[in-house]
């Protein structure tokens, strides 16, 4: 795997995991006791973005490390399977 290919795989993996982690722990304003009129009822009270970015980075790094090990040890090679 080249450096460019590794970066592309990591960024794509990070974005997919980020969108999976994003909805966890969200409390809508309509569900909170401090609901103010004039705000969007579906907007989150507190987004906790730093925590979600950290969790996403940790998960993506672990999964990317597994992918890198599999690639470096040549445990899965699609060219050997197909041809």
PDB file of N, CA and C in Angstrom:
ATOM      1  N   UNK A   1       0.849  -1.161   0.000  1.00  0.00           N
ATOM      2  CA  UNK A   1       0.000   0.000   0.000  1.00  0.00           C
ATOM      3  C   UNK A   1       0.904   1.236   0.000  1.00  0.00           C
ATOM      4  N   UNK A   2       0.610   2.148  -0.902  1.00  0.00           N
ATOM      5  CA  UNK A   2       1.396   3.375  -0.955  1.00  0.00           C
ATOM      6  C   UNK A   2       0.917   4.357   0.112  1.00  0.00           C
ATOM      7  N   UNK A   3       1.689   5.406   0.308  1.00  0.00           N
ATOM      8  CA  UNK A   3       1.322   6.411   1.312  1.00  0.00           C
ATOM      9  C   UNK A   3       0.019   7.102   0.910  1.00  0.00           C
ATOM     10  N   UNK A   4      -0.107   7.422  -0.359  1.00  0.00           N
ATOM     11  CA  UNK A   4      -1.330   8.072  -0.834  1.00  0.00           C
ATOM     12  C   UNK A   4      -2.539   7.160  -0.658  1.00  0.00           C
ATOM     13  N   UNK A   5      -2.387   5.902  -0.991  1.00  0.00           N
ATOM     14  CA  UNK A   5      -3.476   4.941  -0.817  1.00  0.00           C
ATOM     15  C   UNK A   5      -3.855   4.777   0.648  1.00  0.00           C
ATOM     16  N   UNK A   6      -2.853   4.764   1.527  1.00  0.00           N
ATOM     17  CA  UNK A   6      -3.118   4.658   2.957  1.00  0.00           C
ATOM     18  C   UNK A   6      -3.868   5.867   3.497  1.00  0.00           C
ATOM     19  N   UNK A   7      -3.477   7.050   3.039  1.00  0.00           N
ATOM     20  CA  UNK A   7      -4.171   8.267   3.473  1.00  0.00           C
ATOM     21  C   UNK A   7      -5.614   8.265   3.001  1.00  0.00           C
ATOM     22  N   UNK A   8      -5.834   7.872   1.755  1.00  0.00           N
ATOM     23  CA  UNK A   8      -7.196   7.839   1.210  1.00  0.00           C
ATOM     24  C   UNK A   8      -8.056   6.837   1.977  1.00  0.00           C
ATOM     25  N   UNK A   9      -7.510   5.661   2.249  1.00  0.00           N
ATOM     26  CA  UNK A   9      -8.258   4.649   2.999  1.00  0.00           C
ATOM     27  C   UNK A   9      -8.571   5.142   4.410  1.00  0.00           C
ATOM     28  N   UNK A  10      -7.578   5.766   5.066  1.00  0.00           N
ATOM     29  CA  UNK A  10      -7.791   6.247   6.440  1.00  0.00           C
ATOM     30  C   UNK A  10      -8.852   7.345   6.476  1.00  0.00           C
ATOM     31  N   UNK A  11      -8.796   8.294   5.568  1.00  0.00           N
ATOM     32  CA  UNK A  11      -9.767   9.396   5.559  1.00  0.00           C
ATOM     33  C   UNK A  11     -11.174   8.869   5.282  1.00  0.00           C
ATOM     34  N   UNK A  12     -11.301   7.969   4.325  1.00  0.00           N
ATOM     35  CA  UNK A  12     -12.619   7.393   4.046  1.00  0.00           C
ATOM     36  C   UNK A  12     -13.149   6.607   5.242  1.00  0.00           C
ATOM     37  N   UNK A  13     -12.297   5.828   5.849  1.00  0.00           N
ATOM     38  CA  UNK A  13     -12.684   5.061   7.031  1.00  0.00           C
ATOM     39  C   UNK A  13     -13.076   5.993   8.176  1.00  0.00           C
ATOM     40  N   UNK A  14     -12.322   7.066   8.361  1.00  0.00           N
ATOM     41  CA  UNK A  14     -12.610   8.025   9.420  1.00  0.00           C
ATOM     42  C   UNK A  14     -13.977   8.682   9.206  1.00  0.00           C
ATOM     43  N   UNK A  15     -14.261   9.076   7.981  1.00  0.00           N
ATOM     44  CA  UNK A  15     -15.542   9.739   7.695  1.00  0.00           C
ATOM     45  C   UNK A  15     -16.724   8.788   7.902  1.00  0.00           C
ATOM     46  N   UNK A  16     -16.592   7.557   7.473  1.00  0.00           N
ATOM     47  CA  UNK A  16     -17.671   6.582   7.656  1.00  0.00           C
ATOM     48  C   UNK A  16     -17.937   6.358   9.146  1.00  0.00           C
ATOM     49  N   UNK A  17     -16.874   6.173   9.916  1.00  0.00           N
ATOM     50  CA  UNK A  17     -17.034   5.943  11.354  1.00  0.00           C
ATOM     51  C   UNK A  17     -17.574   7.191  12.040  1.00  0.00           C
ATOM     52  N   UNK A  18     -17.136   8.373  11.598  1.00  0.00           N
ATOM     53  CA  UNK A  18     -17.623   9.621  12.196  1.00  0.00           C
ATOM     54  C   UNK A  18     -19.135   9.755  12.024  1.00  0.00           C
ATOM     55  N   UNK A  19     -19.635   9.455  10.840  1.00  0.00           N
ATOM     56  CA  UNK A  19     -21.075   9.556  10.625  1.00  0.00           C
ATOM     57  C   UNK A  19     -21.840   8.465  11.375  1.00  0.00           C
ATOM     58  N   UNK A  20     -21.172   7.374  11.720  1.00  0.00           N
ATOM     59  CA  UNK A  20     -21.815   6.349  12.539  1.00  0.00           C
ATOM     60  C   UNK A  20     -21.837   6.750  14.017  1.00  0.00           C
ATOM     61  N   UNK A  21     -20.807   7.443  14.490  1.00  0.00           N
ATOM     62  CA  UNK A  21     -20.698   7.838  15.890  1.00  0.00           C
ATOM     63  C   UNK A  21     -21.514   9.104  16.174  1.00  0.00           C
ATOM     64  N   UNK A  22     -21.713   9.931  15.178  1.00  0.00           N
ATOM     65  CA  UNK A  22     -22.340  11.242  15.353  1.00  0.00           C
ATOM     66  C   UNK A  22     -23.685  11.231  16.081  1.00  0.00           C
ATOM     67  N   UNK A  23     -24.618  10.322  15.809  1.00  0.00           N
ATOM     68  CA  UNK A  23     -25.917  10.412  16.484  1.00  0.00           C
ATOM     69  C   UNK A  23     -25.954   9.893  17.923  1.00  0.00           C
ATOM     70  N   UNK A  24     -24.898   9.252  18.409  1.00  0.00           N
ATOM     71  CA  UNK A  24     -24.929   8.700  19.764  1.00  0.00           C
ATOM     72  C   UNK A  24     -24.869   9.810  20.813  1.00  0.00           C
ATOM     73  N   UNK A  25     -25.689   9.695  21.837  1.00  0.00           N
ATOM     74  CA  UNK A  25     -25.658  10.617  22.956  1.00  0.00           C
ATOM     75  C   UNK A  25     -26.305  11.964  22.696  1.00  0.00           C
ATOM     76  N   UNK A  26     -27.134  12.054  21.681  1.00  0.00           N
ATOM     77  CA  UNK A  26     -27.771  13.325  21.342  1.00  0.00           C
ATOM     78  C   UNK A  26     -29.086  13.466  22.102  1.00  0.00           C
ATOM     79  N   UNK A  27     -29.280  14.626  22.710  1.00  0.00           N
ATOM     80  CA  UNK A  27     -30.550  14.979  23.334  1.00  0.00           C
ATOM     81  C   UNK A  27     -31.099  16.186  22.581  1.00  0.00           C
ATOM     82  N   UNK A  28     -32.285  16.049  22.026  1.00  0.00           N
ATOM     83  CA  UNK A  28     -32.897  17.153  21.299  1.00  0.00           C
ATOM     84  C   UNK A  28     -33.366  18.231  22.259  1.00  0.00           C
ATOM     85  N   UNK A  29     -33.476  19.457  21.740  1.00  0.00           N
ATOM     86  CA  UNK A  29     -33.913  20.566  22.582  1.00  0.00           C
ATOM     87  C   UNK A  29     -35.349  20.389  23.054  1.00  0.00           C
ATOM     88  N   UNK A  30     -36.177  19.779  22.237  1.00  0.00           N
ATOM     89  CA  UNK A  30     -37.584  19.586  22.622  1.00  0.00           C
ATOM     90  C   UNK A  30     -37.699  18.629  23.803  1.00  0.00           C
ATOM     91  N   UNK A  31     -36.731  17.712  23.937  1.00  0.00           N
ATOM     92  CA  UNK A  31     -36.749  16.744  25.029  1.00  0.00           C
ATOM     93  C   UNK A  31     -36.114  17.280  26.309  1.00  0.00           C
ATOM     94  N   UNK A  32     -35.397  18.389  26.213  1.00  0.00           N
ATOM     95  CA  UNK A  32     -34.720  18.926  27.397  1.00  0.00           C
ATOM     96  C   UNK A  32     -35.658  19.851  28.171  1.00  0.00           C
ATOM     97  N   UNK A  33     -35.441  19.964  29.465  1.00  0.00           N
ATOM     98  CA  UNK A  33     -36.307  20.847  30.266  1.00  0.00           C
ATOM     99  C   UNK A  33     -36.060  22.328  30.001  1.00  0.00           C
ATOM    100  N   UNK A  34     -34.931  22.679  29.388  1.00  0.00           N
ATOM    101  CA  UNK A  34     -34.592  24.077  29.129  1.00  0.00           C
ATOM    102  C   UNK A  34     -34.959  24.507  27.709  1.00  0.00           C
ATOM    103  N   UNK A  35     -35.994  23.954  27.149  1.00  0.00           N
ATOM    104  CA  UNK A  35     -36.385  24.273  25.768  1.00  0.00           C
ATOM    105  C   UNK A  35     -36.799  25.732  25.655  1.00  0.00           C
ATOM    106  N   UNK A  36     -36.202  26.420  24.679  1.00  0.00           N
ATOM    107  CA  UNK A  36     -36.517  27.827  24.456  1.00  0.00           C
ATOM    108  C   UNK A  36     -37.298  27.974  23.163  1.00  0.00           C
ATOM    109  N   UNK A  37     -38.324  28.773  23.181  1.00  0.00           N
ATOM    110  CA  UNK A  37     -39.121  29.022  21.978  1.00  0.00           C
ATOM    111  C   UNK A  37     -38.251  29.734  20.944  1.00  0.00           C
ATOM    112  N   UNK A  38     -38.481  29.407  19.684  1.00  0.00           N
ATOM    113  CA  UNK A  38     -37.749  30.041  18.595  1.00  0.00           C
ATOM    114  C   UNK A  38     -36.530  29.274  18.135  1.00  0.00           C
ATOM    115  N   UNK A  39     -36.179  28.207  18.824  1.00  0.00           N
ATOM    116  CA  UNK A  39     -35.052  27.385  18.388  1.00  0.00           C
ATOM    117  C   UNK A  39     -35.583  26.129  17.724  1.00  0.00           C
ATOM    118  N   UNK A  40     -34.743  25.504  16.935  1.00  0.00           N
ATOM    119  CA  UNK A  40     -35.143  24.281  16.249  1.00  0.00           C
ATOM    120  C   UNK A  40     -35.305  23.173  17.279  1.00  0.00           C
ATOM    121  N   UNK A  41     -36.470  22.534  17.343  1.00  0.00           N
ATOM    122  CA  UNK A  41     -36.683  21.493  18.353  1.00  0.00           C
ATOM    123  C   UNK A  41     -35.811  20.257  18.146  1.00  0.00           C
ATOM    124  N   UNK A  42     -35.334  20.045  16.936  1.00  0.00           N
ATOM    125  CA  UNK A  42     -34.506  18.876  16.676  1.00  0.00           C
ATOM    126  C   UNK A  42     -33.025  19.117  16.871  1.00  0.00           C
ATOM    127  N   UNK A  43     -32.641  20.353  17.175  1.00  0.00           N
ATOM    128  CA  UNK A  43     -31.227  20.680  17.368  1.00  0.00           C
ATOM    129  C   UNK A  43     -30.719  20.058  18.672  1.00  0.00           C
ATOM    130  N   UNK A  44     -29.484  19.581  18.669  1.00  0.00           N
ATOM    131  CA  UNK A  44     -28.956  18.979  19.902  1.00  0.00           C
ATOM    132  C   UNK A  44     -28.690  20.025  20.974  1.00  0.00           C
ATOM    133  N   UNK A  45     -28.869  19.617  22.223  1.00  0.00           N
ATOM    134  CA  UNK A  45     -28.584  20.508  23.347  1.00  0.00           C
ATOM    135  C   UNK A  45     -27.074  20.682  23.468  1.00  0.00           C
ATOM    136  N   UNK A  46     -26.359  19.572  23.445  1.00  0.00           N
ATOM    137  CA  UNK A  46     -24.899  19.590  23.540  1.00  0.00           C
ATOM    138  C   UNK A  46     -24.359  18.546  22.574  1.00  0.00           C
ATOM    139  N   UNK A  47     -23.504  18.959  21.649  1.00  0.00           N
ATOM    140  CA  UNK A  47     -23.077  18.029  20.599  1.00  0.00           C
ATOM    141  C   UNK A  47     -21.911  17.131  21.008  1.00  0.00           C
ATOM    142  N   UNK A  48     -21.060  17.580  21.934  1.00  0.00           N
ATOM    143  CA  UNK A  48     -19.892  16.802  22.396  1.00  0.00           C
ATOM    144  C   UNK A  48     -18.995  16.387  21.228  1.00  0.00           C
ATOM    145  N   UNK A  49     -18.689  17.343  20.344  1.00  0.00           N
ATOM    146  CA  UNK A  49     -17.927  17.037  19.134  1.00  0.00           C
ATOM    147  C   UNK A  49     -16.500  16.585  19.431  1.00  0.00           C
ATOM    148  N   UNK A  50     -15.837  17.178  20.416  1.00  0.00           N
ATOM    149  CA  UNK A  50     -14.459  16.774  20.724  1.00  0.00           C
ATOM    150  C   UNK A  50     -14.401  15.299  21.123  1.00  0.00           C
ATOM    151  N   UNK A  51     -15.346  14.870  21.927  1.00  0.00           N
ATOM    152  CA  UNK A  51     -15.391  13.471  22.361  1.00  0.00           C
ATOM    153  C   UNK A  51     -15.663  12.547  21.174  1.00  0.00           C
ATOM    154  N   UNK A  52     -16.576  12.947  20.302  1.00  0.00           N
ATOM    155  CA  UNK A  52     -16.914  12.123  19.139  1.00  0.00           C
ATOM    156  C   UNK A  52     -15.761  12.055  18.149  1.00  0.00           C
ATOM    157  N   UNK A  53     -15.041  13.155  17.975  1.00  0.00           N
ATOM    158  CA  UNK A  53     -13.873  13.151  17.090  1.00  0.00           C
ATOM    159  C   UNK A  53     -12.779  12.251  17.662  1.00  0.00           C
ATOM    160  N   UNK A  54     -12.575  12.297  18.963  1.00  0.00           N
ATOM    161  CA  UNK A  54     -11.571  11.437  19.607  1.00  0.00           C
ATOM    162  C   UNK A  54     -11.945   9.962  19.476  1.00  0.00           C
ATOM    163  N   UNK A  55     -13.190   9.633  19.737  1.00  0.00           N
ATOM    164  CA  UNK A  55     -13.651   8.243  19.609  1.00  0.00           C
ATOM    165  C   UNK A  55     -13.509   7.766  18.169  1.00  0.00           C
ATOM    166  N   UNK A  56     -13.893   8.612  17.219  1.00  0.00           N
ATOM    167  CA  UNK A  56     -13.781   8.264  15.803  1.00  0.00           C
ATOM    168  C   UNK A  56     -12.330   8.024  15.418  1.00  0.00           C
ATOM    169  N   UNK A  57     -11.433   8.870  15.879  1.00  0.00           N
ATOM    170  CA  UNK A  57     -10.015   8.720  15.554  1.00  0.00           C
ATOM    171  C   UNK A  57      -9.450   7.429  16.129  1.00  0.00           C
ATOM    172  N   UNK A  58      -9.831   7.111  17.352  1.00  0.00           N
ATOM    173  CA  UNK A  58      -9.337   5.870  17.965  1.00  0.00           C
ATOM    174  C   UNK A  58      -9.840   4.633  17.212  1.00  0.00           C
ATOM    175  N   UNK A  59     -11.124   4.606  16.901  1.00  0.00           N
ATOM    176  CA  UNK A  59     -11.697   3.451  16.196  1.00  0.00           C
ATOM    177  C   UNK A  59     -11.091   3.330  14.803  1.00  0.00           C
ATOM    178  N   UNK A  60     -10.979   4.456  14.090  1.00  0.00           N
ATOM    179  CA  UNK A  60     -10.426   4.433  12.730  1.00  0.00           C
ATOM    180  C   UNK A  60      -8.964   3.998  12.739  1.00  0.00           C
ATOM    181  N   UNK A  61      -8.215   4.422  13.738  1.00  0.00           N
ATOM    182  CA  UNK A  61      -6.804   4.040  13.823  1.00  0.00           C
ATOM    183  C   UNK A  61      -6.656   2.545  14.078  1.00  0.00           C
ATOM    184  N   UNK A  62      -7.487   1.987  14.940  1.00  0.00           N
ATOM    185  CA  UNK A  62      -7.425   0.545  15.208  1.00  0.00           C
ATOM    186  C   UNK A  62      -7.789  -0.253  13.952  1.00  0.00           C
ATOM    187  N   UNK A  63      -8.864   0.121  13.294  1.00  0.00           N
ATOM    188  CA  UNK A  63      -9.284  -0.606  12.089  1.00  0.00           C
ATOM    189  C   UNK A  63      -8.257  -0.446  10.978  1.00  0.00           C
ATOM    190  N   UNK A  64      -7.719   0.775  10.812  1.00  0.00           N
ATOM    191  CA  UNK A  64      -6.702   0.993   9.782  1.00  0.00           C
ATOM    192  C   UNK A  64      -5.442   0.193  10.085  1.00  0.00           C
ATOM    193  N   UNK A  65      -5.086   0.088  11.357  1.00  0.00           N
ATOM    194  CA  UNK A  65      -3.916  -0.719  11.727  1.00  0.00           C
ATOM    195  C   UNK A  65      -4.113  -2.182  11.341  1.00  0.00           C
ATOM    196  N   UNK A  66      -5.310  -2.706  11.559  1.00  0.00           N
ATOM    197  CA  UNK A  66      -5.605  -4.082  11.150  1.00  0.00           C
ATOM    198  C   UNK A  66      -5.514  -4.246   9.639  1.00  0.00           C
ATOM    199  N   UNK A  67      -6.046  -3.273   8.909  1.00  0.00           N
ATOM    200  CA  UNK A  67      -5.973  -3.315   7.445  1.00  0.00           C
ATOM    201  C   UNK A  67      -4.517  -3.261   6.990  1.00  0.00           C
ATOM    202  N   UNK A  68      -3.727  -2.414   7.621  1.00  0.00           N
ATOM    203  CA  UNK A  68      -2.317  -2.280   7.256  1.00  0.00           C
ATOM    204  C   UNK A  68      -1.542  -3.565   7.539  1.00  0.00           C
ATOM    205  N   UNK A  69      -1.812  -4.204   8.669  1.00  0.00           N
ATOM    206  CA  UNK A  69      -1.135  -5.460   9.000  1.00  0.00           C
ATOM    207  C   UNK A  69      -1.506  -6.553   8.004  1.00  0.00           C
ATOM    208  N   UNK A  70      -2.785  -6.636   7.665  1.00  0.00           N
ATOM    209  CA  UNK A  70      -3.228  -7.629   6.690  1.00  0.00           C
ATOM    210  C   UNK A  70      -2.564  -7.381   5.341  1.00  0.00           C
ATOM    211  N   UNK A  71      -2.424  -6.111   4.965  1.00  0.00           N
ATOM    212  CA  UNK A  71      -1.789  -5.779   3.690  1.00  0.00           C
ATOM    213  C   UNK A  71      -0.293  -6.076   3.720  1.00  0.00           C
ATOM    214  N   UNK A  72       0.380  -5.711   4.798  1.00  0.00           N
ATOM    215  CA  UNK A  72       1.824  -5.910   4.873  1.00  0.00           C
ATOM    216  C   UNK A  72       2.207  -7.387   4.962  1.00  0.00           C
ATOM    217  N   UNK A  73       1.398  -8.177   5.652  1.00  0.00           N
ATOM    218  CA  UNK A  73       1.680  -9.606   5.756  1.00  0.00           C
ATOM    219  C   UNK A  73       1.143 -10.398   4.577  1.00  0.00           C
ATOM    220  N   UNK A  74       0.460  -9.713   3.668  1.00  0.00           N
ATOM    221  CA  UNK A  74      -0.096 -10.314   2.453  1.00  0.00           C
ATOM    222  C   UNK A  74      -1.034 -11.477   2.787  1.00  0.00           C
ATOM    223  N   UNK A  75      -1.856 -11.281   3.817  1.00  0.00           N
ATOM    224  CA  UNK A  75      -2.804 -12.316   4.227  1.00  0.00           C
ATOM    225  C   UNK A  75      -4.006 -12.395   3.290  1.00  0.00           C
ATOM    226  N   UNK A  76      -4.328 -11.290   2.648  1.00  0.00           N
ATOM    227  CA  UNK A  76      -5.461 -11.249   1.727  1.00  0.00           C
ATOM    228  C   UNK A  76      -5.009 -10.523   0.477  1.00  0.00           C
ATOM    229  N   UNK A  77      -4.910 -11.253  -0.608  1.00  0.00           N
ATOM    230  CA  UNK A  77      -4.491 -10.656  -1.867  1.00  0.00           C
ATOM    231  C   UNK A  77      -5.517 -11.043  -2.927  1.00  0.00           C
ATOM    232  N   UNK A  78      -6.264 -10.087  -3.393  1.00  0.00           N
ATOM    233  CA  UNK A  78      -7.334 -10.353  -4.349  1.00  0.00           C
ATOM    234  C   UNK A  78      -6.791 -10.872  -5.678  1.00  0.00           C
ATOM    235  N   UNK A  79      -5.575 -10.476  -6.028  1.00  0.00           N
ATOM    236  CA  UNK A  79      -4.980 -10.935  -7.292  1.00  0.00           C
ATOM    237  C   UNK A  79      -4.677 -12.441  -7.253  1.00  0.00           C
ATOM    238  N   UNK A  80      -4.278 -12.932  -6.063  1.00  0.00           N
ATOM    239  CA  UNK A  80      -3.992 -14.363  -5.924  1.00  0.00           C
ATOM    240  C   UNK A  80      -5.281 -15.173  -5.914  1.00  0.00           C
ATOM    241  N   UNK A  81      -6.351 -14.612  -5.416  1.00  0.00           N
ATOM    242  CA  UNK A  81      -7.613 -15.330  -5.345  1.00  0.00           C
ATOM    243  C   UNK A  81      -8.265 -15.441  -6.714  1.00  0.00           C
ATOM    244  N   UNK A  82      -8.267 -14.347  -7.473  1.00  0.00           N
ATOM    245  CA  UNK A  82      -8.964 -14.331  -8.749  1.00  0.00           C
ATOM    246  C   UNK A  82      -8.192 -14.995  -9.888  1.00  0.00           C
ATOM    247  N   UNK A  83      -6.875 -14.886  -9.881  1.00  0.00           N
ATOM    248  CA  UNK A  83      -6.116 -15.376 -11.034  1.00  0.00           C
ATOM    249  C   UNK A  83      -5.241 -16.536 -10.669  1.00  0.00           C
TER     250      UNK A  83
END
